[in-house]
Amino acid sequence: MSPQAAGQLDPESLVARIIAELEANPAAQQMLLRAMLTGEFLGMPVRLNAIERDVAEIKRDVADLQGRVSTLERDVAEIKIDVAALKGDSLEVRMHKWIRAFVSQKLGLRRPDIVHGAVTHTDRELQEAVYEAVDADRITVGQEVRVFATDLILRAQRRHDRATVWVAIEASNTVDRRDVERARESAEALHAIFAEEATAAVMGHVIPSPHRELADASGVEVFIVDPNH
């Protein structure tokens, strides 16, 4: 064995000595790192910081995009509601042209008069009667609101005895449960106000079976009309 080989430290001892020297000399640590590592590797912390900043920015952009999507979804939902309401209003407006003859035929009435509706000023007599009924506690304020929110109210006479009949109509393209309930509530309020017969009715192009069954059980007339009527 040569003297050089005999004087060599085993790898474990060599590494332990190098570590001890480096720990005692921090400046040497940086020099050793620069000597052992490539420039690309040494630059990784800087690039990692840049990547982290990019990721954070992307997350902010995604959050902003999600917020915009949510806003757009709400806007679309509101537009759908507005369109549905517009279609409903269109039916209410159009039926003023033929509703009196239609109701007269369907309910056996004569001399029907529209006293409240989307394109008709509320009859003064109806207004005063509603206010007086509230003051006299015959109806609640909620019922007052319901009467004035009714899509259409007619006053007519029964053919066979000329007795006054009130007709409360809720109109919608597709009649639903709330239409049935609102019509019934309006008719009940009118009956309480005038102590006269009041008929509830719903009108639309379609009424699903469950809602028709509810109308039948509640004594609410169902009028199905042609979309082109």
C-alpha atoms as a PDB file:
ATOM      1  CA  MET A   1       0.000   0.000   0.000  1.00  0.00           C
ATOM      2  CA  SER A   2       1.444   3.409  -0.975  1.00  0.00           C
ATOM      3  CA  PRO A   3       1.968   6.156   1.621  1.00  0.00           C
ATOM      4  CA  GLN A   4      -0.723   8.255  -0.156  1.00  0.00           C
ATOM      5  CA  ALA A   5      -3.219   5.451   0.092  1.00  0.00           C
ATOM      6  CA  ALA A   6      -2.317   4.867   3.705  1.00  0.00           C
ATOM      7  CA  GLY A   7      -2.870   8.532   4.519  1.00  0.00           C
ATOM      8  CA  GLN A   8      -6.301   8.708   2.879  1.00  0.00           C
ATOM      9  CA  LEU A   9      -9.418   8.963   5.055  1.00  0.00           C
ATOM     10  CA  ASP A  10     -12.241   6.583   4.475  1.00  0.00           C
ATOM     11  CA  PRO A  11     -15.226   8.209   2.687  1.00  0.00           C
ATOM     12  CA  GLU A  12     -17.352   8.408   5.834  1.00  0.00           C
ATOM     13  CA  SER A  13     -14.607  10.138   7.806  1.00  0.00           C
ATOM     14  CA  LEU A  14     -13.842  12.426   4.892  1.00  0.00           C
ATOM     15  CA  VAL A  15     -17.444  13.559   4.605  1.00  0.00           C
ATOM     16  CA  ALA A  16     -17.693  14.063   8.371  1.00  0.00           C
ATOM     17  CA  ARG A  17     -14.537  16.225   8.285  1.00  0.00           C
ATOM     18  CA  ILE A  18     -15.825  18.303   5.364  1.00  0.00           C
ATOM     19  CA  ILE A  19     -19.119  18.881   7.137  1.00  0.00           C
ATOM     20  CA  ALA A  20     -17.321  19.927  10.325  1.00  0.00           C
ATOM     21  CA  GLU A  21     -15.159  22.387   8.359  1.00  0.00           C
ATOM     22  CA  LEU A  22     -18.184  23.812   6.520  1.00  0.00           C
ATOM     23  CA  GLU A  23     -20.118  24.228   9.733  1.00  0.00           C
ATOM     24  CA  ALA A  24     -17.187  26.171  11.142  1.00  0.00           C
ATOM     25  CA  ASN A  25     -16.910  28.368   8.033  1.00  0.00           C
ATOM     26  CA  PRO A  26     -20.318  29.496   6.615  1.00  0.00           C
ATOM     27  CA  ALA A  27     -18.633  31.420   3.788  1.00  0.00           C
ATOM     28  CA  ALA A  28     -17.112  28.194   2.570  1.00  0.00           C
ATOM     29  CA  GLN A  29     -20.581  26.666   2.342  1.00  0.00           C
ATOM     30  CA  GLN A  30     -21.612  29.135  -0.349  1.00  0.00           C
ATOM     31  CA  MET A  31     -18.374  28.603  -2.265  1.00  0.00           C
ATOM     32  CA  LEU A  32     -18.834  24.830  -2.161  1.00  0.00           C
ATOM     33  CA  LEU A  33     -22.441  25.115  -3.347  1.00  0.00           C
ATOM     34  CA  ARG A  34     -21.409  27.314  -6.283  1.00  0.00           C
ATOM     35  CA  ALA A  35     -18.667  24.849  -7.148  1.00  0.00           C
ATOM     36  CA  MET A  36     -20.883  21.765  -6.936  1.00  0.00           C
ATOM     37  CA  LEU A  37     -24.218  23.004  -8.312  1.00  0.00           C
ATOM     38  CA  THR A  38     -24.984  24.298 -11.775  1.00  0.00           C
ATOM     39  CA  GLY A  39     -26.192  27.836 -12.331  1.00  0.00           C
ATOM     40  CA  GLU A  40     -29.557  26.496 -13.473  1.00  0.00           C
ATOM     41  CA  PHE A  41     -30.048  24.622 -10.217  1.00  0.00           C
ATOM     42  CA  LEU A  42     -28.997  27.607  -8.126  1.00  0.00           C
ATOM     43  CA  GLY A  43     -31.527  29.744  -9.955  1.00  0.00           C
ATOM     44  CA  MET A  44     -34.409  27.412  -9.120  1.00  0.00           C
ATOM     45  CA  PRO A  45     -35.541  29.251  -5.950  1.00  0.00           C
ATOM     46  CA  VAL A  46     -35.943  32.424  -7.996  1.00  0.00           C
ATOM     47  CA  ARG A  47     -37.913  30.577 -10.658  1.00  0.00           C
ATOM     48  CA  LEU A  48     -40.007  28.818  -8.016  1.00  0.00           C
ATOM     49  CA  ASN A  49     -40.898  32.191  -6.515  1.00  0.00           C
ATOM     50  CA  ALA A  50     -41.918  33.413  -9.959  1.00  0.00           C
ATOM     51  CA  ILE A  51     -44.008  30.286 -10.523  1.00  0.00           C
ATOM     52  CA  GLU A  52     -45.697  30.775  -7.154  1.00  0.00           C
ATOM     53  CA  ARG A  53     -46.528  34.362  -8.108  1.00  0.00           C
ATOM     54  CA  ASP A  54     -47.916  33.159 -11.442  1.00  0.00           C
ATOM     55  CA  VAL A  55     -50.017  30.487  -9.724  1.00  0.00           C
ATOM     56  CA  ALA A  56     -51.372  33.043  -7.245  1.00  0.00           C
ATOM     57  CA  GLU A  57     -52.262  35.353 -10.128  1.00  0.00           C
ATOM     58  CA  ILE A  58     -53.968  32.507 -11.986  1.00  0.00           C
ATOM     59  CA  LYS A  59     -55.969  31.683  -8.856  1.00  0.00           C
ATOM     60  CA  ARG A  60     -57.088  35.310  -8.611  1.00  0.00           C
ATOM     61  CA  ASP A  61     -58.061  35.265 -12.290  1.00  0.00           C
ATOM     62  CA  VAL A  62     -60.023  32.021 -11.801  1.00  0.00           C
ATOM     63  CA  ALA A  63     -61.804  33.452  -8.750  1.00  0.00           C
ATOM     64  CA  ASP A  64     -62.650  36.594 -10.734  1.00  0.00           C
ATOM     65  CA  LEU A  65     -63.896  34.465 -13.643  1.00  0.00           C
ATOM     66  CA  GLN A  66     -66.036  32.371 -11.292  1.00  0.00           C
ATOM     67  CA  GLY A  67     -67.529  35.558  -9.870  1.00  0.00           C
ATOM     68  CA  ARG A  68     -68.319  36.800 -13.377  1.00  0.00           C
ATOM     69  CA  VAL A  69     -69.875  33.441 -14.293  1.00  0.00           C
ATOM     70  CA  SER A  70     -72.044  33.570 -11.158  1.00  0.00           C
ATOM     71  CA  THR A  71     -73.133  37.097 -12.049  1.00  0.00           C
ATOM     72  CA  LEU A  72     -73.891  35.994 -15.607  1.00  0.00           C
ATOM     73  CA  GLU A  73     -75.928  33.030 -14.343  1.00  0.00           C
ATOM     74  CA  ARG A  74     -77.961  35.352 -12.100  1.00  0.00           C
ATOM     75  CA  ASP A  75     -78.498  37.736 -15.022  1.00  0.00           C
ATOM     76  CA  VAL A  76     -79.642  34.878 -17.267  1.00  0.00           C
ATOM     77  CA  ALA A  77     -82.020  33.660 -14.545  1.00  0.00           C
ATOM     78  CA  GLU A  78     -83.448  37.180 -14.163  1.00  0.00           C
ATOM     79  CA  ILE A  79     -83.838  37.479 -17.946  1.00  0.00           C
ATOM     80  CA  LYS A  80     -85.714  34.162 -18.016  1.00  0.00           C
ATOM     81  CA  ILE A  81     -87.996  35.400 -15.246  1.00  0.00           C
ATOM     82  CA  ASP A  82     -88.560  38.674 -17.097  1.00  0.00           C
ATOM     83  CA  VAL A  83     -89.342  36.836 -20.337  1.00  0.00           C
ATOM     84  CA  ALA A  84     -91.760  34.531 -18.536  1.00  0.00           C
ATOM     85  CA  ALA A  85     -93.395  37.533 -16.900  1.00  0.00           C
ATOM     86  CA  LEU A  86     -93.572  39.323 -20.236  1.00  0.00           C
ATOM     87  CA  LYS A  87     -95.295  36.315 -21.805  1.00  0.00           C
ATOM     88  CA  GLY A  88     -97.733  36.201 -18.912  1.00  0.00           C
ATOM     89  CA  ASP A  89     -98.425  39.897 -19.246  1.00  0.00           C
ATOM     90  CA  SER A  90     -98.976  39.398 -22.968  1.00  0.00           C
ATOM     91  CA  LEU A  91    -101.706  36.856 -22.226  1.00  0.00           C
ATOM     92  CA  GLU A  92    -103.275  39.216 -19.673  1.00  0.00           C
ATOM     93  CA  VAL A  93    -103.231  42.073 -22.166  1.00  0.00           C
ATOM     94  CA  ARG A  94    -104.556  40.010 -25.061  1.00  0.00           C
ATOM     95  CA  MET A  95    -107.403  38.451 -23.111  1.00  0.00           C
ATOM     96  CA  HIS A  96    -108.984  41.866 -22.468  1.00  0.00           C
ATOM     97  CA  LYS A  97    -110.203  41.766 -26.055  1.00  0.00           C
ATOM     98  CA  TRP A  98    -112.266  38.596 -25.665  1.00  0.00           C
ATOM     99  CA  ILE A  99    -112.491  37.728 -21.976  1.00  0.00           C
ATOM    100  CA  ARG A 100    -115.999  39.067 -21.401  1.00  0.00           C
ATOM    101  CA  ALA A 101    -117.552  36.972 -24.145  1.00  0.00           C
ATOM    102  CA  PHE A 102    -115.407  33.998 -23.124  1.00  0.00           C
ATOM    103  CA  VAL A 103    -116.434  34.125 -19.455  1.00  0.00           C
ATOM    104  CA  SER A 104    -120.080  34.748 -20.312  1.00  0.00           C
ATOM    105  CA  GLN A 105    -120.135  31.592 -22.393  1.00  0.00           C
ATOM    106  CA  LYS A 106    -118.156  29.422 -19.972  1.00  0.00           C
ATOM    107  CA  LEU A 107    -119.909  30.489 -16.760  1.00  0.00           C
ATOM    108  CA  GLY A 108    -123.382  31.324 -18.028  1.00  0.00           C
ATOM    109  CA  LEU A 109    -123.132  35.034 -17.190  1.00  0.00           C
ATOM    110  CA  ARG A 110    -124.398  38.223 -18.776  1.00  0.00           C
ATOM    111  CA  ARG A 111    -123.245  41.832 -18.859  1.00  0.00           C
ATOM    112  CA  PRO A 112    -119.693  41.105 -17.651  1.00  0.00           C
ATOM    113  CA  ASP A 113    -117.659  44.186 -16.849  1.00  0.00           C
ATOM    114  CA  ILE A 114    -113.906  44.320 -16.269  1.00  0.00           C
ATOM    115  CA  VAL A 115    -113.366  46.210 -13.016  1.00  0.00           C
ATOM    116  CA  HIS A 116    -109.672  45.472 -12.508  1.00  0.00           C
ATOM    117  CA  GLY A 117    -106.872  44.308 -14.782  1.00  0.00           C
ATOM    118  CA  ALA A 118    -103.448  44.858 -16.303  1.00  0.00           C
ATOM    119  CA  VAL A 119    -104.658  47.433 -18.838  1.00  0.00           C
ATOM    120  CA  THR A 120    -107.721  48.660 -16.965  1.00  0.00           C
ATOM    121  CA  HIS A 121    -107.934  51.164 -14.149  1.00  0.00           C
ATOM    122  CA  THR A 122    -109.385  49.619 -11.024  1.00  0.00           C
ATOM    123  CA  ASP A 123    -113.046  50.488 -10.708  1.00  0.00           C
ATOM    124  CA  ARG A 124    -113.578  53.209  -8.075  1.00  0.00           C
ATOM    125  CA  GLU A 125    -116.474  51.316  -6.513  1.00  0.00           C
ATOM    126  CA  LEU A 126    -114.263  48.243  -6.105  1.00  0.00           C
ATOM    127  CA  GLN A 127    -111.484  50.308  -4.548  1.00  0.00           C
ATOM    128  CA  GLU A 128    -113.758  51.945  -2.001  1.00  0.00           C
ATOM    129  CA  ALA A 129    -115.416  48.631  -1.122  1.00  0.00           C
ATOM    130  CA  VAL A 130    -112.020  47.038  -0.488  1.00  0.00           C
ATOM    131  CA  TYR A 131    -110.887  49.927   1.722  1.00  0.00           C
ATOM    132  CA  GLU A 132    -114.129  49.863   3.707  1.00  0.00           C
ATOM    133  CA  ALA A 133    -113.865  46.091   4.184  1.00  0.00           C
ATOM    134  CA  VAL A 134    -110.360  46.481   5.610  1.00  0.00           C
ATOM    135  CA  ASP A 135    -111.500  49.274   7.950  1.00  0.00           C
ATOM    136  CA  ALA A 136    -114.404  47.103   9.102  1.00  0.00           C
ATOM    137  CA  ASP A 137    -112.097  44.079   9.623  1.00  0.00           C
ATOM    138  CA  ARG A 138    -114.034  41.969   7.132  1.00  0.00           C
ATOM    139  CA  ILE A 139    -110.772  41.299   5.294  1.00  0.00           C
ATOM    140  CA  THR A 140    -107.126  41.623   6.229  1.00  0.00           C
ATOM    141  CA  VAL A 141    -104.559  43.947   4.706  1.00  0.00           C
ATOM    142  CA  GLY A 142    -103.059  40.856   3.077  1.00  0.00           C
ATOM    143  CA  GLN A 143    -106.379  40.135   1.387  1.00  0.00           C
ATOM    144  CA  GLU A 144    -106.563  43.752   0.235  1.00  0.00           C
ATOM    145  CA  VAL A 145    -103.169  43.353  -1.407  1.00  0.00           C
ATOM    146  CA  ARG A 146    -104.250  40.060  -3.000  1.00  0.00           C
ATOM    147  CA  VAL A 147    -107.371  41.631  -4.518  1.00  0.00           C
ATOM    148  CA  PHE A 148    -105.410  44.436  -6.156  1.00  0.00           C
ATOM    149  CA  ALA A 149    -102.749  41.963  -7.331  1.00  0.00           C
ATOM    150  CA  THR A 150    -105.329  39.785  -9.114  1.00  0.00           C
ATOM    151  CA  ASP A 151    -104.674  39.586 -12.848  1.00  0.00           C
ATOM    152  CA  LEU A 152    -108.298  40.243 -13.784  1.00  0.00           C
ATOM    153  CA  ILE A 153    -111.549  40.837 -11.918  1.00  0.00           C
ATOM    154  CA  LEU A 154    -114.961  40.872 -13.590  1.00  0.00           C
ATOM    155  CA  ARG A 155    -118.384  41.772 -12.265  1.00  0.00           C
ATOM    156  CA  ALA A 156    -121.302  40.133 -14.036  1.00  0.00           C
ATOM    157  CA  GLN A 157    -124.818  38.796 -13.561  1.00  0.00           C
ATOM    158  CA  ARG A 158    -126.062  35.214 -13.484  1.00  0.00           C
ATOM    159  CA  ARG A 159    -128.322  34.630 -16.437  1.00  0.00           C
ATOM    160  CA  HIS A 160    -131.188  32.958 -14.603  1.00  0.00           C
ATOM    161  CA  ASP A 161    -131.648  35.354 -11.672  1.00  0.00           C
ATOM    162  CA  ARG A 162    -129.518  38.429 -12.453  1.00  0.00           C
ATOM    163  CA  ALA A 163    -127.602  38.046  -9.158  1.00  0.00           C
ATOM    164  CA  THR A 164    -124.209  39.733  -9.100  1.00  0.00           C
ATOM    165  CA  VAL A 165    -121.242  37.421  -9.584  1.00  0.00           C
ATOM    166  CA  TRP A 166    -117.578  38.362  -9.166  1.00  0.00           C
ATOM    167  CA  VAL A 167    -114.924  36.487 -11.138  1.00  0.00           C
ATOM    168  CA  ALA A 168    -111.253  36.542 -10.067  1.00  0.00           C
ATOM    169  CA  ILE A 169    -108.897  35.279 -12.764  1.00  0.00           C
ATOM    170  CA  GLU A 170    -105.183  34.484 -12.627  1.00  0.00           C
ATOM    171  CA  ALA A 171    -103.597  34.183 -16.079  1.00  0.00           C
ATOM    172  CA  SER A 172    -100.330  32.502 -17.040  1.00  0.00           C
ATOM    173  CA  ASN A 173     -98.988  30.673 -20.065  1.00  0.00           C
ATOM    174  CA  THR A 174     -98.520  27.565 -17.919  1.00  0.00           C
ATOM    175  CA  VAL A 175    -100.845  27.540 -14.941  1.00  0.00           C
ATOM    176  CA  ASP A 176     -99.198  26.403 -11.730  1.00  0.00           C
ATOM    177  CA  ARG A 177    -100.157  25.778  -8.113  1.00  0.00           C
ATOM    178  CA  ARG A 178     -99.687  29.390  -7.065  1.00  0.00           C
ATOM    179  CA  ASP A 179    -102.027  30.606  -9.823  1.00  0.00           C
ATOM    180  CA  VAL A 180    -104.718  28.285  -8.485  1.00  0.00           C
ATOM    181  CA  GLU A 181    -104.149  29.391  -4.895  1.00  0.00           C
ATOM    182  CA  ARG A 182    -104.083  33.094  -5.768  1.00  0.00           C
ATOM    183  CA  ALA A 183    -107.328  32.888  -7.730  1.00  0.00           C
ATOM    184  CA  ARG A 184    -109.047  31.113  -4.844  1.00  0.00           C
ATOM    185  CA  GLU A 185    -107.713  33.630  -2.311  1.00  0.00           C
ATOM    186  CA  SER A 186    -108.894  36.559  -4.451  1.00  0.00           C
ATOM    187  CA  ALA A 187    -112.372  35.069  -4.850  1.00  0.00           C
ATOM    188  CA  GLU A 188    -112.640  34.446  -1.105  1.00  0.00           C
ATOM    189  CA  ALA A 189    -111.673  38.060  -0.415  1.00  0.00           C
ATOM    190  CA  LEU A 190    -114.242  39.375  -2.919  1.00  0.00           C
ATOM    191  CA  HIS A 191    -116.940  37.240  -1.322  1.00  0.00           C
ATOM    192  CA  ALA A 192    -116.034  38.634   2.103  1.00  0.00           C
ATOM    193  CA  ILE A 193    -116.094  42.198   0.778  1.00  0.00           C
ATOM    194  CA  PHE A 194    -119.431  42.097  -1.037  1.00  0.00           C
ATOM    195  CA  ALA A 195    -121.194  39.095   0.514  1.00  0.00           C
ATOM    196  CA  GLU A 196    -121.969  38.049  -3.058  1.00  0.00           C
ATOM    197  CA  GLU A 197    -121.021  35.041  -5.158  1.00  0.00           C
ATOM    198  CA  ALA A 198    -117.379  35.055  -6.239  1.00  0.00           C
ATOM    199  CA  THR A 199    -115.869  32.581  -8.671  1.00  0.00           C
ATOM    200  CA  ALA A 200    -112.161  31.790  -8.892  1.00  0.00           C
ATOM    201  CA  ALA A 201    -110.660  30.929 -12.271  1.00  0.00           C
ATOM    202  CA  VAL A 202    -107.268  30.305 -13.832  1.00  0.00           C
ATOM    203  CA  MET A 203    -106.499  30.800 -17.495  1.00  0.00           C
ATOM    204  CA  GLY A 204    -103.565  29.671 -19.591  1.00  0.00           C
ATOM    205  CA  HIS A 205    -102.372  27.617 -22.509  1.00  0.00           C
ATOM    206  CA  VAL A 206    -101.326  24.617 -20.385  1.00  0.00           C
ATOM    207  CA  ILE A 207    -102.076  23.304 -16.910  1.00  0.00           C
ATOM    208  CA  PRO A 208    -100.224  20.215 -15.633  1.00  0.00           C
ATOM    209  CA  SER A 209    -102.404  17.438 -14.236  1.00  0.00           C
ATOM    210  CA  PRO A 210    -101.488  17.944 -10.537  1.00  0.00           C
ATOM    211  CA  HIS A 211    -102.481  21.610 -10.736  1.00  0.00           C
ATOM    212  CA  ARG A 212    -105.708  20.807 -12.559  1.00  0.00           C
ATOM    213  CA  GLU A 213    -106.551  18.320  -9.821  1.00  0.00           C
ATOM    214  CA  LEU A 214    -105.870  21.006  -7.215  1.00  0.00           C
ATOM    215  CA  ALA A 215    -108.101  23.437  -9.097  1.00  0.00           C
ATOM    216  CA  ASP A 216    -110.921  20.885  -9.267  1.00  0.00           C
ATOM    217  CA  ALA A 217    -110.583  20.125  -5.558  1.00  0.00           C
ATOM    218  CA  SER A 218    -110.548  23.853  -4.721  1.00  0.00           C
ATOM    219  CA  GLY A 219    -113.540  24.757  -6.874  1.00  0.00           C
ATOM    220  CA  VAL A 220    -111.412  26.872  -9.218  1.00  0.00           C
ATOM    221  CA  GLU A 221    -112.541  27.075 -12.853  1.00  0.00           C
ATOM    222  CA  VAL A 222    -109.895  26.187 -15.448  1.00  0.00           C
ATOM    223  CA  PHE A 223    -109.896  27.964 -18.803  1.00  0.00           C
ATOM    224  CA  ILE A 224    -107.476  26.581 -21.405  1.00  0.00           C
ATOM    225  CA  VAL A 225    -107.038  28.870 -24.399  1.00  0.00           C
ATOM    226  CA  ASP A 226    -105.321  28.477 -27.736  1.00  0.00           C
ATOM    227  CA  PRO A 227    -101.926  30.265 -27.847  1.00  0.00           C
ATOM    228  CA  ASN A 228    -103.097  31.999 -31.023  1.00  0.00           C
ATOM    229  CA  HIS A 229    -106.353  33.172 -29.445  1.00  0.00           C
END
